[in-house]
Amino acid sequence: MESNQQNNKRKSLWRNLAPTKVKCFTWLVARRAYLTHEVLKKKGMIVVSWCSLCGKIEETNNHLFLHCSFTTQIWAIFLSLTETKWAMPEHTADLLSCWIRRGGTKSQKAWWRIIPHCIWWTVWKEKKSRNFVDRSNSIQKVKWNYIVSFYFWCKEKDIEETEQLVELLGSLEERVL
């Protein structure tokens, strides 16, 4: 039988204000079911595995979305801005369960919960671009894509305290450029 804690994690994932397709994607990432090289190997495919973002290590779910040197730069712009002391958990599901307990006011919690979804979506889009379109963006461009997505997702859901959000985004932009 499922514990209340696991049930709450699952509910918080689906109550998030990220777009529905991104929530579905995040669900796959948290369950380690997104088709990374690790999953493809488990399904019996022969894959020469390397991370398309950093090129240094085998592509696993946890590496790609949490521990890749490319991805950690995206996490760092936000964590350093909010002065959050953070030790990255080992697994993506662990990150989501820790992340939902953070934030300030009700509206801050609303946009705070979007952050992992937006980072993972941005990382996935860059990976897809590199693997299937043979186009690679600089880390600054990827960070900028993250900020733009984050802003529009918040705006689309009418998250309150927009002045605070605009200040936050301005600070993020300074760190990217």
Protein backbone atom coordinates (compact mmCIF):
# COMPACT_ATOMS: atom_id res chain seq x y z
CA MET A 1 0.00 0.00 0.00
CA GLU A 2 1.22 3.48 -0.84
CA SER A 3 2.32 5.75 1.98
CA ASN A 4 0.81 9.20 2.52
CA GLN A 5 4.18 10.79 1.76
CA GLN A 6 4.36 9.17 -1.69
CA ASN A 7 0.75 10.09 -2.34
CA ASN A 8 1.46 13.74 -1.40
CA LYS A 9 4.50 13.80 -3.73
CA ARG A 10 2.38 12.56 -6.59
CA LYS A 11 -0.42 15.07 -5.89
CA SER A 12 2.02 17.98 -5.70
CA LEU A 13 3.44 17.00 -9.09
CA TRP A 14 0.04 17.18 -10.76
CA ARG A 15 -1.16 20.29 -8.88
CA ASN A 16 1.83 22.20 -10.19
CA LEU A 17 1.14 25.16 -12.50
CA ALA A 18 3.49 23.96 -15.26
CA PRO A 19 1.86 23.11 -18.61
CA THR A 20 0.21 19.68 -18.66
CA LYS A 21 2.65 18.20 -21.20
CA VAL A 22 5.52 19.30 -18.96
CA LYS A 23 3.88 17.70 -15.90
CA CYS A 24 3.63 14.45 -17.88
CA PHE A 25 7.28 14.77 -18.87
CA THR A 26 8.31 15.51 -15.26
CA TRP A 27 6.38 12.44 -14.11
CA LEU A 28 8.46 10.34 -16.53
CA VAL A 29 11.69 11.94 -15.31
CA ALA A 30 10.79 11.40 -11.64
CA ARG A 31 9.94 7.74 -12.33
CA ARG A 32 13.17 7.33 -14.32
CA ALA A 33 11.09 6.31 -17.33
CA TYR A 34 12.20 9.08 -19.71
CA LEU A 35 14.12 7.49 -22.59
CA THR A 36 17.69 8.19 -21.59
CA HIS A 37 20.46 5.88 -22.76
CA GLU A 38 20.15 4.11 -19.39
CA VAL A 39 16.50 3.18 -20.08
CA LEU A 40 17.18 2.23 -23.69
CA LYS A 41 19.90 -0.19 -22.52
CA LYS A 42 17.49 -1.75 -20.03
CA LYS A 43 15.08 -2.31 -22.92
CA GLY A 44 17.79 -4.27 -24.73
CA MET A 45 19.01 -1.66 -27.21
CA ILE A 46 22.71 -1.41 -27.94
CA VAL A 47 23.70 2.18 -27.19
CA VAL A 48 27.09 3.83 -26.97
CA SER A 49 26.22 6.06 -24.07
CA TRP A 50 27.56 9.52 -23.42
CA CYS A 51 25.87 12.69 -22.24
CA SER A 52 25.13 14.94 -25.19
CA LEU A 53 25.33 18.01 -22.95
CA CYS A 54 28.70 17.52 -21.24
CA GLY A 55 30.12 14.64 -23.29
CA LYS A 56 31.90 13.26 -20.25
CA ILE A 57 29.89 10.43 -18.77
CA GLU A 58 27.19 7.88 -19.49
CA GLU A 59 23.75 9.39 -19.92
CA THR A 60 21.51 8.37 -17.03
CA ASN A 61 18.34 10.02 -15.82
CA ASN A 62 19.98 11.36 -12.67
CA HIS A 63 23.08 12.56 -14.50
CA LEU A 64 21.19 14.36 -17.27
CA PHE A 65 18.66 16.17 -15.06
CA LEU A 66 20.60 16.68 -11.82
CA HIS A 67 24.35 16.09 -11.95
CA CYS A 68 25.54 16.98 -15.47
CA SER A 69 27.96 19.93 -15.39
CA PHE A 70 25.79 21.63 -18.03
CA THR A 71 22.58 21.14 -16.07
CA THR A 72 24.09 22.21 -12.76
CA GLN A 73 24.87 25.60 -14.31
CA ILE A 74 21.15 26.11 -14.88
CA TRP A 75 20.33 25.03 -11.33
CA ALA A 76 23.09 27.32 -10.02
CA ILE A 77 21.71 30.55 -11.50
CA PHE A 78 18.52 30.12 -9.53
CA LEU A 79 19.94 28.63 -6.34
CA SER A 80 22.64 31.28 -6.01
CA LEU A 81 20.15 34.07 -6.63
CA THR A 82 17.81 32.85 -3.90
CA GLU A 83 20.82 32.10 -1.67
CA THR A 84 19.52 28.57 -1.25
CA LYS A 85 21.99 26.16 0.32
CA TRP A 86 21.38 22.97 -1.58
CA ALA A 87 22.98 19.57 -1.87
CA MET A 88 21.64 17.96 -5.01
CA PRO A 89 19.86 14.70 -4.17
CA GLU A 90 20.87 11.50 -5.91
CA HIS A 91 17.54 10.91 -7.71
CA THR A 92 15.08 13.13 -9.53
CA ALA A 93 12.14 11.90 -7.42
CA ASP A 94 14.05 12.87 -4.28
CA LEU A 95 14.55 16.37 -5.64
CA LEU A 96 10.84 16.86 -6.19
CA SER A 97 9.96 15.68 -2.68
CA CYS A 98 12.50 18.09 -1.14
CA TRP A 99 11.63 20.96 -3.45
CA ILE A 100 7.92 21.10 -2.61
CA ARG A 101 8.70 22.10 0.97
CA ARG A 102 10.45 25.30 -0.11
CA GLY A 103 9.19 28.76 -1.07
CA GLY A 104 7.75 31.69 0.85
CA THR A 105 4.30 33.18 0.37
CA LYS A 106 1.53 31.28 -1.40
CA SER A 107 2.34 32.82 -4.79
CA GLN A 108 6.09 32.34 -4.27
CA LYS A 109 5.42 28.66 -3.64
CA ALA A 110 3.42 28.56 -6.88
CA TRP A 111 6.34 29.78 -9.01
CA TRP A 112 8.90 27.98 -6.85
CA ARG A 113 7.31 24.62 -7.70
CA ILE A 114 7.57 25.34 -11.42
CA ILE A 115 11.38 25.63 -11.30
CA PRO A 116 12.38 21.94 -11.50
CA HIS A 117 9.82 21.32 -14.24
CA CYS A 118 11.14 24.25 -16.24
CA ILE A 119 14.80 23.28 -15.78
CA TRP A 120 14.16 19.67 -16.81
CA TRP A 121 12.06 20.76 -19.80
CA THR A 122 14.80 23.17 -20.91
CA VAL A 123 17.49 20.48 -20.54
CA TRP A 124 15.36 18.00 -22.48
CA LYS A 125 14.78 20.48 -25.32
CA GLU A 126 18.52 21.17 -25.57
CA LYS A 127 19.33 17.44 -25.56
CA LYS A 128 16.73 16.88 -28.28
CA SER A 129 18.15 19.76 -30.32
CA ARG A 130 21.67 18.34 -30.09
CA ASN A 131 20.67 14.75 -30.83
CA PHE A 132 18.03 15.15 -33.53
CA VAL A 133 18.62 18.54 -35.16
CA ASP A 134 22.41 18.64 -34.72
CA ARG A 135 22.16 22.14 -33.27
CA SER A 136 23.84 23.00 -30.02
CA ASN A 137 23.16 26.19 -28.07
CA SER A 138 25.58 27.87 -25.70
CA ILE A 139 24.92 27.60 -21.98
CA GLN A 140 23.94 31.30 -21.97
CA LYS A 141 21.32 30.67 -24.66
CA VAL A 142 19.95 27.65 -22.76
CA LYS A 143 19.78 29.70 -19.54
CA TRP A 144 17.97 32.43 -21.42
CA ASN A 145 15.51 29.86 -22.84
CA TYR A 146 14.89 28.71 -19.26
CA ILE A 147 14.18 32.24 -18.04
CA VAL A 148 11.79 32.94 -20.93
CA SER A 149 9.88 29.68 -20.38
CA PHE A 150 9.71 30.27 -16.63
CA TYR A 151 8.36 33.79 -17.11
CA PHE A 152 5.70 32.80 -19.63
CA TRP A 153 4.54 29.81 -17.60
CA CYS A 154 4.11 32.06 -14.55
CA LYS A 155 2.39 34.76 -16.58
CA GLU A 156 0.07 32.23 -18.24
CA LYS A 157 -1.08 30.95 -14.84
CA ASP A 158 -1.54 34.49 -13.44
CA ILE A 159 0.78 33.90 -10.53
CA GLU A 160 0.44 36.87 -8.20
CA GLU A 161 3.18 39.16 -6.94
CA THR A 162 4.38 39.85 -10.46
CA GLU A 163 6.65 42.68 -9.29
CA GLN A 164 8.57 40.17 -7.22
CA LEU A 165 8.73 37.78 -10.17
CA VAL A 166 9.98 40.52 -12.52
CA GLU A 167 12.68 41.43 -9.98
CA LEU A 168 13.67 37.78 -9.75
CA LEU A 169 13.82 37.42 -13.53
CA GLY A 170 15.87 40.61 -13.83
CA SER A 171 18.35 39.18 -11.35
CA LEU A 172 18.42 35.89 -13.26
CA GLU A 173 19.06 37.73 -16.52
CA GLU A 174 22.05 39.54 -14.98
CA ARG A 175 23.54 36.19 -13.96
CA VAL A 176 23.04 34.73 -17.42
CA LEU A 177 24.58 37.61 -19.34
